[in-house]
Amino acid sequence: MTKQNIEEQEGLRRSPGQAYREAHNLEVKQEAERDNLEKREGFSLRHILLDIDGPVVTFLTKTGELILLSLVWLLTSLPVLTIGTSTIALYHAIVKSVRHERGYPVREYFKAFRQHLKKGTAATLILLLWTAGLVVFNWKVAHIEVSLKTFSAKALVVMVIITLSITTYLFPIMSRFKVSLGQAFNMAFIISGQHFIVTLIHLAAMGGLVYLVIYIIPILALLVLPAFWMFLSGLLMEKVLRSYMPEAPDGDKTTEDLWMYE
């Protein structure tokens, strides 16, 4: 008797239930093998290019959201006194919606804008008055455009660096923590010193951005840079701010601010 005849007789002796289970197990095994093959070979081209969760679509979506938020930031900053409020809202929307994908970016932006309008405007006014004072001090006393060798010129440079350092942290702090305006300034001053390397990186990047806006692509830079800068800044800023946050709440998975700990 040939091998084929033996296999045919064994197949006849199997019950329909056994045949079904064997066919099902074979199908499951083949599916598992295909999944393992896809994992070993990485994402398929279809997933990369077309899937809504694929890297290409995700990149294009986040880029569009950042451009839109940049335009919204520019529009809401036109009154000048609202620049601080706009920056608070921009940081909140980017970290929560763009990075952590919670809510809609523009909706979260205006929610934060309304929530921080008074404090943000007050902070902007303080910074504008202080900046005006530094300009007058330079005009009357320091004259740094002439020489940096005098004590007054060196003092002015130090005050400018401290002001920029405080401003770097001030609006993210106001976005994240429920503190008074004075506490926010105090935290920004302390954190800028405790995290000197992060502060230095931000100051150097600010210098590059100013050069880019003035000399390279001024119009395009103004249209897209605000949100892209905030997105990149947030990568470092979030690590700093989390070290000052209380521990994540246990058990309550419905807490609205739980995304801050992700």
Protein backbone atom coordinates (compact mmCIF):
# COMPACT_ATOMS: atom_id res chain seq x y z
CA MET A 1 0.00 0.00 0.00
CA THR A 2 1.39 3.36 -0.96
CA LYS A 3 1.99 6.23 1.46
CA GLN A 4 -0.72 8.28 -0.27
CA ASN A 5 -3.30 5.52 0.22
CA ILE A 6 -2.41 5.23 3.89
CA GLU A 7 -2.85 9.00 4.40
CA GLU A 8 -6.21 8.89 2.58
CA GLN A 9 -7.46 6.04 4.82
CA GLU A 10 -6.31 7.90 7.96
CA GLY A 11 -8.13 10.99 6.71
CA LEU A 12 -11.35 8.99 6.28
CA ARG A 13 -11.06 7.61 9.83
CA ARG A 14 -10.85 11.19 11.29
CA SER A 15 -14.13 12.62 12.46
CA PRO A 16 -15.43 15.91 11.01
CA GLY A 17 -14.77 17.60 14.38
CA GLN A 18 -11.15 16.48 14.40
CA ALA A 19 -10.66 17.66 10.84
CA TYR A 20 -12.12 21.06 11.70
CA ARG A 21 -9.89 21.47 14.76
CA GLU A 22 -6.81 20.50 12.82
CA ALA A 23 -7.66 22.95 10.04
CA HIS A 24 -8.31 25.69 12.60
CA ASN A 25 -5.04 25.00 14.44
CA LEU A 26 -3.17 25.07 11.14
CA GLU A 27 -4.75 28.43 10.27
CA VAL A 28 -3.83 29.87 13.68
CA LYS A 29 -0.28 28.59 13.30
CA GLN A 30 0.06 30.15 9.86
CA GLU A 31 -1.33 33.48 11.13
CA ALA A 32 1.18 33.46 13.99
CA GLU A 33 4.00 32.75 11.56
CA ARG A 34 2.90 35.67 9.38
CA ASP A 35 2.76 37.98 12.40
CA ASN A 36 6.23 36.93 13.49
CA LEU A 37 7.52 37.46 9.96
CA GLU A 38 6.08 40.98 9.87
CA LYS A 39 7.63 41.76 13.25
CA ARG A 40 11.02 40.54 12.07
CA GLU A 41 10.85 42.44 8.81
CA GLY A 42 9.49 45.62 10.38
CA PHE A 43 6.59 47.74 9.24
CA SER A 44 5.22 47.02 5.80
CA LEU A 45 5.32 49.77 3.21
CA ARG A 46 1.52 49.98 3.34
CA HIS A 47 1.61 50.60 7.10
CA ILE A 48 4.34 53.21 6.78
CA LEU A 49 2.66 55.20 4.03
CA LEU A 50 -1.09 54.73 4.45
CA ASP A 51 -2.09 53.66 7.95
CA ILE A 52 -3.50 56.44 10.09
CA ASP A 53 -1.18 55.35 12.91
CA GLY A 54 1.79 54.94 10.59
CA PRO A 55 4.86 57.16 10.91
CA VAL A 56 4.27 59.17 7.71
CA VAL A 57 0.66 60.09 8.47
CA THR A 58 1.52 60.78 12.12
CA PHE A 59 4.40 63.06 11.10
CA LEU A 60 2.27 65.00 8.61
CA THR A 61 -0.58 65.33 11.12
CA LYS A 62 1.65 66.66 13.89
CA THR A 63 3.41 69.02 11.47
CA GLY A 64 0.05 70.44 10.37
CA GLU A 65 -1.03 70.85 13.99
CA LEU A 66 2.18 72.73 14.82
CA ILE A 67 1.79 75.07 11.85
CA LEU A 68 -1.82 75.75 12.80
CA LEU A 69 -0.85 76.47 16.42
CA SER A 70 1.90 78.83 15.24
CA LEU A 71 -0.64 80.83 13.26
CA VAL A 72 -3.06 80.90 16.20
CA TRP A 73 -0.24 82.04 18.49
CA LEU A 74 0.66 84.87 16.12
CA LEU A 75 -2.95 86.04 15.85
CA THR A 76 -3.59 85.99 19.60
CA SER A 77 -0.26 87.76 20.26
CA LEU A 78 -1.08 90.77 18.06
CA PRO A 79 -2.33 92.86 21.03
CA VAL A 80 1.23 92.46 22.48
CA LEU A 81 -0.01 92.30 26.08
CA THR A 82 -1.39 88.83 25.34
CA ILE A 83 1.99 87.39 24.25
CA GLY A 84 2.47 85.76 27.64
CA THR A 85 -1.02 84.27 27.67
CA SER A 86 -0.54 83.01 24.12
CA THR A 87 2.76 81.39 25.06
CA ILE A 88 1.17 79.65 28.08
CA ALA A 89 -1.62 78.34 25.85
CA LEU A 90 0.84 77.26 23.16
CA TYR A 91 2.92 75.23 25.59
CA HIS A 92 -0.17 73.60 27.08
CA ALA A 93 -1.68 72.67 23.70
CA ILE A 94 1.56 71.27 22.30
CA VAL A 95 2.45 69.14 25.30
CA LYS A 96 -1.07 67.86 25.94
CA SER A 97 -2.53 67.52 22.45
CA VAL A 98 0.38 67.24 20.02
CA ARG A 99 2.77 65.17 22.13
CA HIS A 100 0.35 63.20 24.33
CA GLU A 101 -2.59 63.26 21.89
CA ARG A 102 -5.17 64.37 24.45
CA GLY A 103 -7.99 66.52 23.06
CA TYR A 104 -7.85 68.83 20.07
CA PRO A 105 -4.90 71.27 19.80
CA VAL A 106 -6.82 74.46 18.97
CA ARG A 107 -9.55 73.69 21.51
CA GLU A 108 -6.96 73.07 24.23
CA TYR A 109 -5.15 76.25 23.17
CA PHE A 110 -8.14 78.52 23.67
CA LYS A 111 -9.16 76.72 26.84
CA ALA A 112 -5.76 77.49 28.36
CA PHE A 113 -5.81 81.01 26.88
CA ARG A 114 -9.04 81.88 28.67
CA GLN A 115 -7.89 80.24 31.88
CA HIS A 116 -4.60 82.17 32.08
CA LEU A 117 -5.59 85.45 30.45
CA LYS A 118 -5.28 87.65 33.56
CA LYS A 119 -2.04 86.21 34.92
CA GLY A 120 -0.50 85.93 31.48
CA THR A 121 -1.27 89.55 30.69
CA ALA A 122 0.12 90.68 34.04
CA ALA A 123 3.32 88.69 33.49
CA THR A 124 3.72 90.17 30.01
CA LEU A 125 3.25 93.70 31.34
CA ILE A 126 5.88 93.14 34.04
CA LEU A 127 8.38 91.80 31.51
CA LEU A 128 7.69 94.66 29.09
CA LEU A 129 8.20 97.28 31.79
CA TRP A 130 11.37 95.57 32.98
CA THR A 131 12.68 95.37 29.40
CA ALA A 132 11.91 99.05 28.89
CA GLY A 133 13.87 99.79 32.05
CA LEU A 134 16.85 97.85 30.72
CA VAL A 135 16.70 99.77 27.44
CA VAL A 136 16.66 103.10 29.30
CA PHE A 137 19.52 101.94 31.55
CA ASN A 138 21.59 101.10 28.47
CA TRP A 139 20.68 104.37 26.79
CA LYS A 140 21.55 106.51 29.82
CA VAL A 141 24.29 104.54 31.56
CA ALA A 142 25.63 101.28 30.14
CA HIS A 143 26.08 101.95 26.40
CA ILE A 144 26.95 98.32 25.62
CA GLU A 145 26.99 99.14 21.90
CA VAL A 146 30.08 101.27 22.59
CA SER A 147 31.97 99.08 25.06
CA LEU A 148 31.48 96.07 27.31
CA LYS A 149 34.42 96.90 29.56
CA THR A 150 32.55 99.16 31.99
CA PHE A 151 30.92 97.80 35.14
CA SER A 152 27.49 99.12 34.10
CA ALA A 153 27.74 97.36 30.71
CA LYS A 154 28.69 94.06 32.32
CA ALA A 155 25.87 94.44 34.85
CA LEU A 156 23.39 95.03 32.03
CA VAL A 157 24.54 91.89 30.20
CA VAL A 158 24.05 89.86 33.38
CA MET A 159 20.56 91.31 33.89
CA VAL A 160 19.61 90.49 30.29
CA ILE A 161 20.79 86.89 30.68
CA ILE A 162 18.87 86.50 33.95
CA THR A 163 15.75 88.00 32.34
CA LEU A 164 15.91 85.62 29.38
CA SER A 165 16.53 82.67 31.70
CA ILE A 166 13.50 83.51 33.84
CA THR A 167 11.33 84.06 30.76
CA THR A 168 12.35 80.63 29.41
CA TYR A 169 10.72 78.86 32.37
CA LEU A 170 8.05 81.36 33.41
CA PHE A 171 5.28 80.53 30.95
CA PRO A 172 5.69 76.73 31.04
CA ILE A 173 5.55 76.98 34.85
CA MET A 174 2.35 79.04 34.68
CA SER A 175 0.92 76.49 32.25
CA ARG A 176 1.68 73.55 34.52
CA PHE A 177 1.38 74.75 38.14
CA LYS A 178 -1.39 76.54 39.99
CA VAL A 179 0.75 79.24 41.57
CA SER A 180 0.55 82.98 42.07
CA LEU A 181 2.37 85.33 39.72
CA GLY A 182 5.06 86.03 42.30
CA GLN A 183 5.56 82.32 42.94
CA ALA A 184 5.86 81.68 39.21
CA PHE A 185 8.64 84.29 38.87
CA ASN A 186 10.40 82.90 41.92
CA MET A 187 10.19 79.31 40.63
CA ALA A 188 11.46 80.39 37.22
CA PHE A 189 14.45 82.13 38.80
CA ILE A 190 15.34 79.14 41.00
CA ILE A 191 14.82 76.50 38.30
CA SER A 192 16.90 78.43 35.77
CA GLY A 193 19.84 78.22 38.16
CA GLN A 194 19.31 74.64 39.30
CA HIS A 195 19.06 73.39 35.72
CA PHE A 196 21.84 75.53 34.29
CA ILE A 197 22.66 73.19 31.37
CA VAL A 198 19.05 73.19 30.15
CA THR A 199 18.96 76.96 30.56
CA LEU A 200 22.18 77.34 28.58
CA ILE A 201 20.84 75.17 25.77
CA HIS A 202 17.70 77.30 25.57
CA LEU A 203 19.66 80.55 25.54
CA ALA A 204 21.93 79.30 22.76
CA ALA A 205 18.91 78.12 20.76
CA MET A 206 17.24 81.50 21.25
CA GLY A 207 20.28 83.19 19.73
CA GLY A 208 20.07 80.89 16.73
CA LEU A 209 16.35 81.57 16.32
CA VAL A 210 16.89 85.33 16.43
CA TYR A 211 19.56 85.03 13.72
CA LEU A 212 17.25 82.83 11.66
CA VAL A 213 14.32 85.24 11.91
CA ILE A 214 16.39 88.34 11.12
CA TYR A 215 18.82 87.14 8.47
CA ILE A 216 17.66 83.87 6.90
CA ILE A 217 13.90 83.33 6.47
CA PRO A 218 12.08 86.02 8.46
CA ILE A 219 8.52 85.56 7.17
CA LEU A 220 8.55 81.77 7.02
CA ALA A 221 10.24 81.60 10.42
CA LEU A 222 7.55 83.71 12.06
CA LEU A 223 4.83 81.53 10.56
CA VAL A 224 6.16 78.16 11.70
CA LEU A 225 8.83 78.61 14.35
CA PRO A 226 6.77 79.45 17.48
CA ALA A 227 5.14 76.02 17.77
CA PHE A 228 8.14 74.06 16.47
CA TRP A 229 10.37 75.83 18.99
CA MET A 230 7.93 75.10 21.79
CA PHE A 231 7.67 71.45 20.76
CA LEU A 232 11.46 71.00 20.87
CA SER A 233 11.79 73.04 24.05
CA GLY A 234 9.14 70.89 25.70
CA LEU A 235 11.29 67.79 25.24
CA LEU A 236 13.73 69.24 27.79
CA MET A 237 11.27 71.36 29.74
CA GLU A 238 8.97 68.47 30.65
CA LYS A 239 11.81 66.56 32.31
CA VAL A 240 12.59 69.64 34.40
CA LEU A 241 9.00 70.40 35.40
CA ARG A 242 8.20 66.80 36.33
CA SER A 243 10.88 66.90 39.00
CA TYR A 244 8.83 69.58 40.78
CA MET A 245 5.45 67.89 40.38
CA PRO A 246 3.79 65.80 43.10
CA GLU A 247 3.59 62.05 42.65
CA ALA A 248 1.06 60.74 40.16
CA PRO A 249 -2.34 59.91 41.71
CA ASP A 250 -2.83 56.20 42.35
CA GLY A 251 -5.90 54.31 41.24
CA ASP A 252 -7.83 57.24 39.75
CA LYS A 253 -7.36 56.73 36.01
CA THR A 254 -10.00 59.34 35.18
CA THR A 255 -7.96 62.26 36.53
CA GLU A 256 -7.94 64.96 33.87
CA ASP A 257 -4.27 65.86 34.39
CA LEU A 258 -2.95 62.28 34.41
CA TRP A 259 -1.42 62.85 30.96
CA MET A 260 1.24 65.04 32.61
CA TYR A 261 2.84 61.94 34.09
CA GLU A 262 3.00 59.91 30.88
